[in-house]
C-alpha cells in the first residue's frame, strides 16, 4: 500500500466528528429544551433561543451544501432535496424572530455611577 493510499484511508473518518457532535450534543439539547418548554420551566425559554439559532445555522449550511454539491456536479439528483433545509430554515427564522420580539426585561434597575 502506498503512502497516499494510507493517508486517504486514514482521513476518511475526519468528517464524522460533526455527526457525533450533532447526535451527542445538539439533538439531545433540542429534546431537553422542548421538554423544558412543555413543562413551563424558565431555563427552557433561554435554551429555546439558542436551539432555534442552532437549527437556523445547521439547516442553512445543509441547504447550501446541497445546492453547491449539485451546482458543481459532485452530487447527482434534482434540486428537490433543497426544499427540506429551506423550509426548516425559514420556519426556524420566523420562530426566532418571534422569540426575539417577545423578550422582555423584568425588574430593570438603572445603575448610577
Protein backbone atom coordinates (compact mmCIF):
# COMPACT_ATOMS: atom_id res chain seq x y z
CA UNK A 1 0.00 0.00 0.00
CA UNK A 2 1.37 3.40 -0.99
CA UNK A 3 1.70 6.32 1.40
CA UNK A 4 -1.03 8.32 -0.38
CA UNK A 5 -3.43 5.39 -0.10
CA UNK A 6 -2.69 5.13 3.62
CA UNK A 7 -3.44 8.82 4.07
CA UNK A 8 -6.71 8.57 2.17
CA UNK A 9 -7.83 5.56 4.25
CA UNK A 10 -6.85 7.27 7.49
CA UNK A 11 -8.56 10.59 6.63
CA UNK A 12 -11.93 9.09 5.76
CA UNK A 13 -13.26 9.44 9.31
CA UNK A 14 -12.37 13.09 9.83
CA UNK A 15 -15.85 14.39 8.94
CA UNK A 16 -17.56 12.01 11.34
CA UNK A 17 -16.91 14.38 14.24
CA UNK A 18 -19.70 16.65 13.03
CA UNK A 19 -22.20 13.80 13.16
CA UNK A 20 -21.00 12.77 16.62
CA UNK A 21 -21.48 16.32 17.91
CA UNK A 22 -24.92 16.60 16.31
CA UNK A 23 -26.13 13.27 17.67
CA UNK A 24 -24.41 13.59 21.04
CA UNK A 25 -24.96 17.25 21.89
CA UNK A 26 -27.27 19.15 19.53
CA UNK A 27 -30.16 16.72 19.23
CA UNK A 28 -30.29 15.92 22.98
CA UNK A 29 -30.21 19.68 23.65
CA UNK A 30 -33.21 20.11 21.34
CA UNK A 31 -35.08 17.39 23.23
CA UNK A 32 -34.14 18.86 26.62
CA UNK A 33 -35.19 22.35 25.53
CA UNK A 34 -38.50 21.09 24.13
CA UNK A 35 -39.16 19.15 27.34
CA UNK A 36 -38.42 22.20 29.48
CA UNK A 37 -40.69 24.34 27.31
CA UNK A 38 -43.53 21.84 27.63
CA UNK A 39 -43.07 21.76 31.42
CA UNK A 40 -43.00 25.58 31.58
CA UNK A 41 -39.52 25.76 33.08
CA UNK A 42 -37.78 29.14 32.78
CA UNK A 43 -34.49 27.67 31.58
CA UNK A 44 -36.37 26.19 28.59
CA UNK A 45 -37.07 29.72 27.37
CA UNK A 46 -33.38 30.51 27.41
CA UNK A 47 -32.43 27.28 25.65
CA UNK A 48 -35.14 27.80 23.02
CA UNK A 49 -33.37 30.82 21.53
CA UNK A 50 -30.05 29.01 21.42
CA UNK A 51 -31.60 25.93 19.83
CA UNK A 52 -33.52 27.97 17.25
CA UNK A 53 -30.31 29.74 16.25
CA UNK A 54 -28.52 26.39 16.01
CA UNK A 55 -31.32 24.99 13.81
CA UNK A 56 -31.03 28.01 11.52
CA UNK A 57 -27.27 27.63 11.13
CA UNK A 58 -27.36 23.85 10.64
CA UNK A 59 -30.19 23.92 8.10
CA UNK A 60 -28.69 26.87 6.25
CA UNK A 61 -25.32 25.13 5.87
CA UNK A 62 -27.05 21.86 4.94
CA UNK A 63 -29.09 23.64 2.26
CA UNK A 64 -26.03 25.44 0.93
CA UNK A 65 -24.14 22.13 0.79
CA UNK A 66 -26.99 20.51 -1.14
CA UNK A 67 -27.14 23.41 -3.59
CA UNK A 68 -23.37 23.71 -4.07
CA UNK A 69 -22.90 19.96 -4.49
CA UNK A 70 -25.47 19.88 -7.25
CA UNK A 71 -24.20 23.11 -8.79
CA UNK A 72 -20.65 21.77 -9.08
CA UNK A 73 -21.80 18.29 -10.14
CA UNK A 74 -20.42 16.46 -7.08
CA UNK A 75 -23.92 15.34 -6.06
CA UNK A 76 -26.28 13.82 -8.60
CA UNK A 77 -30.01 14.33 -8.43
CA UNK A 78 -32.61 17.02 -8.57
CA UNK A 79 -32.84 20.21 -6.62
CA UNK A 80 -35.88 18.87 -4.73
CA UNK A 81 -33.72 18.00 -1.71
CA UNK A 82 -33.23 21.73 -1.18
CA UNK A 83 -36.86 22.02 -0.12
CA UNK A 84 -36.38 20.43 3.31
CA UNK A 85 -33.50 22.61 4.60
CA UNK A 86 -35.03 25.70 3.01
CA UNK A 87 -38.38 25.19 4.74
CA UNK A 88 -36.72 24.35 8.07
CA UNK A 89 -34.51 27.45 7.84
CA UNK A 90 -37.46 29.72 7.07
CA UNK A 91 -39.64 28.25 9.83
CA UNK A 92 -36.84 28.45 12.40
CA UNK A 93 -36.09 32.04 11.33
CA UNK A 94 -39.74 33.03 11.79
CA UNK A 95 -39.86 31.39 15.23
CA UNK A 96 -36.54 33.00 16.20
CA UNK A 97 -37.84 36.42 15.14
CA UNK A 98 -40.98 35.87 17.21
CA UNK A 99 -38.82 34.69 20.10
CA UNK A 100 -36.69 37.85 19.96
CA UNK A 101 -39.73 40.11 19.66
CA UNK A 102 -41.22 38.71 22.87
CA UNK A 103 -38.10 39.08 25.00
CA UNK A 104 -38.59 41.46 27.89
CA UNK A 105 -36.54 42.51 30.85
CA UNK A 106 -38.43 42.46 34.13
CA UNK A 107 -37.43 44.45 37.19
CA UNK A 108 -34.91 46.50 35.28
CA UNK A 109 -32.91 48.73 37.60
CA UNK A 110 -30.89 51.66 36.47
CA UNK A 111 -27.32 51.85 37.60
CA UNK A 112 -25.87 55.20 38.55
CA UNK A 113 -22.16 55.72 38.77
